[in-house]
Protein backbone atom coordinates (compact mmCIF):
# COMPACT_ATOMS: atom_id res chain seq x y z
CA UNK A 1 -0.18 -0.18 0.13
CA UNK A 2 2.46 2.64 -1.05
CA UNK A 3 2.94 5.83 -3.28
CA UNK A 4 6.05 7.28 -5.15
CA UNK A 5 6.80 8.62 -2.17
CA UNK A 6 5.33 7.41 0.90
CA UNK A 7 5.79 3.88 1.68
CA UNK A 8 3.40 1.92 4.28
CA UNK A 9 4.19 -0.81 6.26
CA UNK A 10 0.52 -2.23 8.23
CA UNK A 11 3.00 -4.87 10.01
CA UNK A 12 4.01 -1.85 11.76
CA UNK A 13 0.98 0.05 12.51
CA UNK A 14 -0.07 0.10 16.31
CA UNK A 15 -3.94 1.73 14.81
CA UNK A 16 -3.38 4.76 16.68
CA UNK A 17 -5.53 6.61 13.94
CA UNK A 18 -2.78 9.65 13.91
CA UNK A 19 -2.30 9.28 10.30
CA UNK A 20 -6.22 9.58 9.58
CA UNK A 21 -6.43 12.63 11.67
CA UNK A 22 -3.65 14.06 9.84
CA UNK A 23 -5.09 13.24 6.55
CA UNK A 24 -8.51 14.39 7.67
CA UNK A 25 -7.05 17.64 9.10
CA UNK A 26 -5.36 18.30 5.08
CA UNK A 27 -9.05 17.58 3.88
CA UNK A 28 -7.60 14.84 1.45
CA UNK A 29 -9.48 11.64 3.38
CA UNK A 30 -7.07 9.41 1.62
CA UNK A 31 -6.78 7.31 5.04
CA UNK A 32 -9.52 6.47 7.01
CA UNK A 33 -10.93 3.87 9.32
CA UNK A 34 -12.49 0.37 8.02
CA UNK A 35 -14.63 -1.83 10.35
CA UNK A 36 -15.83 -0.53 13.72
CA UNK A 37 -14.77 -1.12 17.54
CA UNK A 38 -11.89 -3.31 18.12
CA UNK A 39 -11.41 -4.37 14.83
CA UNK A 40 -11.21 -0.52 13.84
CA UNK A 41 -8.37 -0.51 11.25
CA UNK A 42 -7.21 2.35 9.34
CA UNK A 43 -6.78 1.89 5.89
CA UNK A 44 -7.33 3.33 2.26
CA UNK A 45 -10.63 3.57 0.52
CA UNK A 46 -11.27 0.01 -0.53
CA UNK A 47 -7.84 -1.08 0.67
CA UNK A 48 -6.10 0.29 -2.11
CA UNK A 49 -2.43 1.56 -2.77
CA UNK A 50 -2.02 5.28 -2.19
CA UNK A 51 -1.20 5.89 -5.62
CA UNK A 52 -4.85 4.85 -6.57
CA UNK A 53 -6.36 7.33 -3.72
CA UNK A 54 -6.60 11.07 -3.76
CA UNK A 55 -3.13 11.00 -1.87
CA UNK A 56 -1.20 14.03 -2.52
CA UNK A 57 1.76 12.95 -0.94
CA UNK A 58 1.70 15.96 1.57
CA UNK A 59 3.80 13.98 4.13
CA UNK A 60 1.57 14.65 7.11
CA UNK A 61 0.56 11.47 7.78
CA UNK A 62 4.51 10.31 7.69
CA UNK A 63 5.10 13.21 10.37
CA UNK A 64 2.69 11.68 12.68
CA UNK A 65 3.29 8.18 12.29
CA UNK A 66 4.75 7.09 16.11
CA UNK A 67 6.01 3.78 14.51
CA UNK A 68 7.11 4.21 11.09
CA UNK A 69 4.73 2.00 9.40
CA UNK A 70 4.17 5.04 7.34
CA UNK A 71 7.58 6.86 5.92
CA UNK A 72 8.74 8.64 2.95
CA UNK A 73 10.51 6.92 0.44
CA UNK A 74 14.11 8.08 0.47
CA UNK A 75 15.01 8.90 -3.03
CA UNK A 76 17.66 11.82 -2.31
CA UNK A 77 20.41 9.43 -3.88
CA UNK A 78 18.53 9.60 -7.36
CA UNK A 79 18.56 13.17 -7.20
CA UNK A 80 22.02 13.54 -6.28
CA UNK A 81 22.73 10.98 -9.56
CA UNK A 82 20.78 13.31 -11.93
CA UNK A 83 22.60 16.43 -10.37
CA UNK A 84 26.22 14.91 -10.39
CA UNK A 85 25.22 13.71 -14.19
CA UNK A 86 24.98 16.90 -15.45
CA UNK A 87 23.15 15.56 -18.49
CA UNK A 88 20.14 18.14 -18.49
CA UNK A 89 19.14 21.10 -17.09
CA UNK A 90 17.68 20.69 -13.36
CA UNK A 91 15.14 22.82 -11.75
CA UNK A 92 14.15 22.48 -7.98
CA UNK A 93 10.40 24.17 -7.01
CA UNK A 94 9.66 23.55 -3.32
CA UNK A 95 6.25 22.39 -2.60
CA UNK A 96 3.33 24.22 -0.98
CA UNK A 97 3.30 21.13 1.84
CA UNK A 98 7.14 21.69 2.03
CA UNK A 99 6.72 25.32 2.69
CA UNK A 100 4.07 24.88 5.41
CA UNK A 101 5.92 21.72 6.92
CA UNK A 102 8.83 24.08 7.87
CA UNK A 103 6.94 27.03 8.97
CA UNK A 104 5.12 24.26 11.30
CA UNK A 105 8.20 23.21 12.72
CA UNK A 106 9.34 27.02 13.51
CA UNK A 107 6.71 27.83 14.98
CA UNK A 108 5.45 30.04 12.09
CA UNK A 109 1.79 31.02 11.35
CA UNK A 110 0.62 31.06 8.12
C-alpha cells in the first residue's frame, strides 16, 4: 500500500489513527477507518494503494506516525545522481506542503 513518495508497512501499524487525523486535517481523506470497535483499522478506501487514492503525498501522515508504519521514501540519492550527471538542466521547486511543514516546525503562522 504505497505511493511514489510514501511507503506503508501495515505490520508496524498500531492502529492509533494519527495518520487518519492528519489526512482528515488536510481535507484529503485518502486514509480512513474501516470496520468498527476493536477491529477498526486505518486503511485506504477499498484497501487500494495510496497511489490509487486522492493522496497528494503531503507527508503529514508520515510526520504523525509514531512507529514508522508510514515513512517517506528516501530517494535523495536519485536526485544526487541526476545532479552529478549534468546531462540535463535541473530545476527545483519547493512544494506548498514543504513550506507549510517548515513553518510549522519553526512555529511560524501562515
